[in-house]
C-alpha atoms as a PDB file:
ATOM      1  CA  MET A   1       0.050  -0.124   0.226  1.00  0.00           C
ATOM      2  CA  GLY A   2       1.088   3.271  -0.650  1.00  0.00           C
ATOM      3  CA  ARG A   3       1.493   6.229   2.204  1.00  0.00           C
ATOM      4  CA  THR A   4      -1.729   7.142   3.623  1.00  0.00           C
ATOM      5  CA  GLY A   5      -2.567  10.170   6.426  1.00  0.00           C
ATOM      6  CA  GLU A   6      -5.522  12.183   7.290  1.00  0.00           C
ATOM      7  CA  VAL A   7      -6.894  15.630   6.432  1.00  0.00           C
ATOM      8  CA  LYS A   8      -9.324  17.799   8.272  1.00  0.00           C
ATOM      9  CA  VAL A   9     -12.353  19.497   6.728  1.00  0.00           C
ATOM     10  CA  SER A  10     -13.108  22.978   7.246  1.00  0.00           C
ATOM     11  CA  GLU A  11     -16.397  24.503   7.875  1.00  0.00           C
ATOM     12  CA  ARG A  12     -16.908  24.903   3.954  1.00  0.00           C
ATOM     13  CA  GLY A  13     -16.182  21.369   3.354  1.00  0.00           C
ATOM     14  CA  GLN A  14     -12.430  22.005   1.877  1.00  0.00           C
ATOM     15  CA  MET A  15      -9.468  19.530   2.355  1.00  0.00           C
ATOM     16  CA  ALA A  16      -5.844  20.390   1.660  1.00  0.00           C
ATOM     17  CA  LEU A  17      -3.691  17.216  -0.286  1.00  0.00           C
ATOM     18  CA  PRO A  18      -0.267  17.032   1.190  1.00  0.00           C
ATOM     19  CA  ALA A  19       2.121  18.025  -0.803  1.00  0.00           C
ATOM     20  CA  GLN A  20       3.821  14.810  -1.267  1.00  0.00           C
ATOM     21  CA  ALA A  21       0.502  13.526  -3.193  1.00  0.00           C
ATOM     22  CA  ARG A  22      -0.003  16.689  -5.331  1.00  0.00           C
ATOM     23  CA  HIS A  23       3.941  16.488  -6.479  1.00  0.00           C
ATOM     24  CA  ARG A  24       3.847  12.286  -7.080  1.00  0.00           C
ATOM     25  CA  TRP A  25       0.527  12.847  -9.246  1.00  0.00           C
ATOM     26  CA  GLY A  26       1.672  16.385 -10.914  1.00  0.00           C
ATOM     27  CA  LEU A  27      -1.357  18.175  -9.569  1.00  0.00           C
ATOM     28  CA  GLU A  28      -0.562  21.801 -10.038  1.00  0.00           C
ATOM     29  CA  VAL A  29      -2.273  24.978  -8.698  1.00  0.00           C
ATOM     30  CA  GLY A  30      -5.635  24.864 -10.062  1.00  0.00           C
ATOM     31  CA  GLY A  31      -5.630  21.248 -11.168  1.00  0.00           C
ATOM     32  CA  THR A  32      -8.703  18.908 -10.768  1.00  0.00           C
ATOM     33  CA  ILE A  33      -9.000  15.528  -9.070  1.00  0.00           C
ATOM     34  CA  SER A  34     -12.042  13.154  -9.450  1.00  0.00           C
ATOM     35  CA  TRP A  35     -13.676  11.208  -6.756  1.00  0.00           C
ATOM     36  CA  VAL A  36     -16.009   8.361  -6.151  1.00  0.00           C
ATOM     37  CA  ASP A  37     -18.548   7.810  -3.644  1.00  0.00           C
ATOM     38  CA  LEU A  38     -17.372   3.603  -2.783  1.00  0.00           C
ATOM     39  CA  GLY A  39     -20.337   3.420   0.035  1.00  0.00           C
ATOM     40  CA  ASP A  40     -18.005   3.351   2.739  1.00  0.00           C
ATOM     41  CA  ALA A  41     -14.960   5.270   1.026  1.00  0.00           C
ATOM     42  CA  VAL A  42     -14.061   7.832  -1.089  1.00  0.00           C
ATOM     43  CA  LEU A  43     -11.753   7.237  -3.685  1.00  0.00           C
ATOM     44  CA  LEU A  44      -9.802  10.525  -5.004  1.00  0.00           C
ATOM     45  CA  LEU A  45      -8.603  10.170  -8.705  1.00  0.00           C
ATOM     46  CA  PRO A  46      -5.644  12.498 -10.404  1.00  0.00           C
ATOM     47  CA  THR A  47      -7.700  11.780 -13.384  1.00  0.00           C
ATOM     48  CA  SER A  48     -11.412  12.190 -14.623  1.00  0.00           C
ATOM     49  CA  VAL A  49     -13.623   9.560 -14.186  1.00  0.00           C
ATOM     50  CA  ASP A  50     -14.398   9.065 -17.705  1.00  0.00           C
ATOM     51  CA  GLU A  51     -10.937   8.706 -18.479  1.00  0.00           C
ATOM     52  CA  LEU A  52     -10.603   6.034 -15.947  1.00  0.00           C
ATOM     53  CA  ARG A  53     -13.368   4.378 -17.136  1.00  0.00           C
ATOM     54  CA  ASP A  54     -12.094   4.386 -20.840  1.00  0.00           C
ATOM     55  CA  GLU A  55      -8.919   2.964 -19.582  1.00  0.00           C
ATOM     56  CA  LEU A  56     -10.163   0.112 -17.490  1.00  0.00           C
ATOM     57  CA  LEU A  57     -12.651  -0.611 -20.633  1.00  0.00           C
ATOM     58  CA  ALA A  58      -9.400  -0.837 -22.980  1.00  0.00           C
ATOM     59  CA  ALA A  59      -7.727  -3.282 -20.732  1.00  0.00           C
ATOM     60  CA  ALA A  60     -10.669  -5.577 -20.156  1.00  0.00           C
ATOM     61  CA  ASP A  61     -10.219  -9.338 -21.359  1.00  0.00           C
ATOM     62  CA  TRP A  62     -13.427  -9.287 -23.093  1.00  0.00           C
ATOM     63  CA  GLU A  63     -12.845 -12.623 -24.408  1.00  0.00           C
ATOM     64  CA  ALA A  64     -12.344 -14.108 -20.725  1.00  0.00           C
ATOM     65  CA  ALA A  65     -15.436 -12.278 -19.739  1.00  0.00           C
ATOM     66  CA  GLY A  66     -17.189 -13.931 -22.685  1.00  0.00           C
ATOM     67  CA  VAL A  67     -16.600 -17.558 -21.327  1.00  0.00           C
ATOM     68  CA  GLY A  68     -17.281 -16.588 -17.797  1.00  0.00           C
ATOM     69  CA  PHE A  69     -13.797 -16.350 -16.676  1.00  0.00           C
ATOM     70  CA  GLY A  70     -13.611 -20.339 -16.720  1.00  0.00           C
ATOM     71  CA  ASP A  71     -17.239 -20.549 -14.804  1.00  0.00           C
ATOM     72  CA  PRO A  72     -19.897 -21.585 -17.085  1.00  0.00           C
ATOM     73  CA  GLU A  73     -22.606 -20.557 -14.934  1.00  0.00           C
ATOM     74  CA  LEU A  74     -21.216 -16.901 -14.920  1.00  0.00           C
ATOM     75  CA  ALA A  75     -20.678 -17.083 -18.542  1.00  0.00           C
ATOM     76  CA  ASN A  76     -24.772 -17.368 -18.859  1.00  0.00           C
ATOM     77  CA  GLN A  77     -25.369 -14.188 -16.908  1.00  0.00           C
END
């Protein structure tokens, strides 16, 4: 796992991303990050949700998915 930490939320709902994380991901002043509410956690992304979705879909193993990843019952779902 990468580095972890905590940040405080201001009265206006603002948080400060530590400099170490901003530098690692190349986030500049005025840069944008995306977030995804996972139900019991919030995921911050240094890219847009659409870009991440496109990247994941392009990398998917559609042939394996079509045969249920080796599970015949899953292939029919």
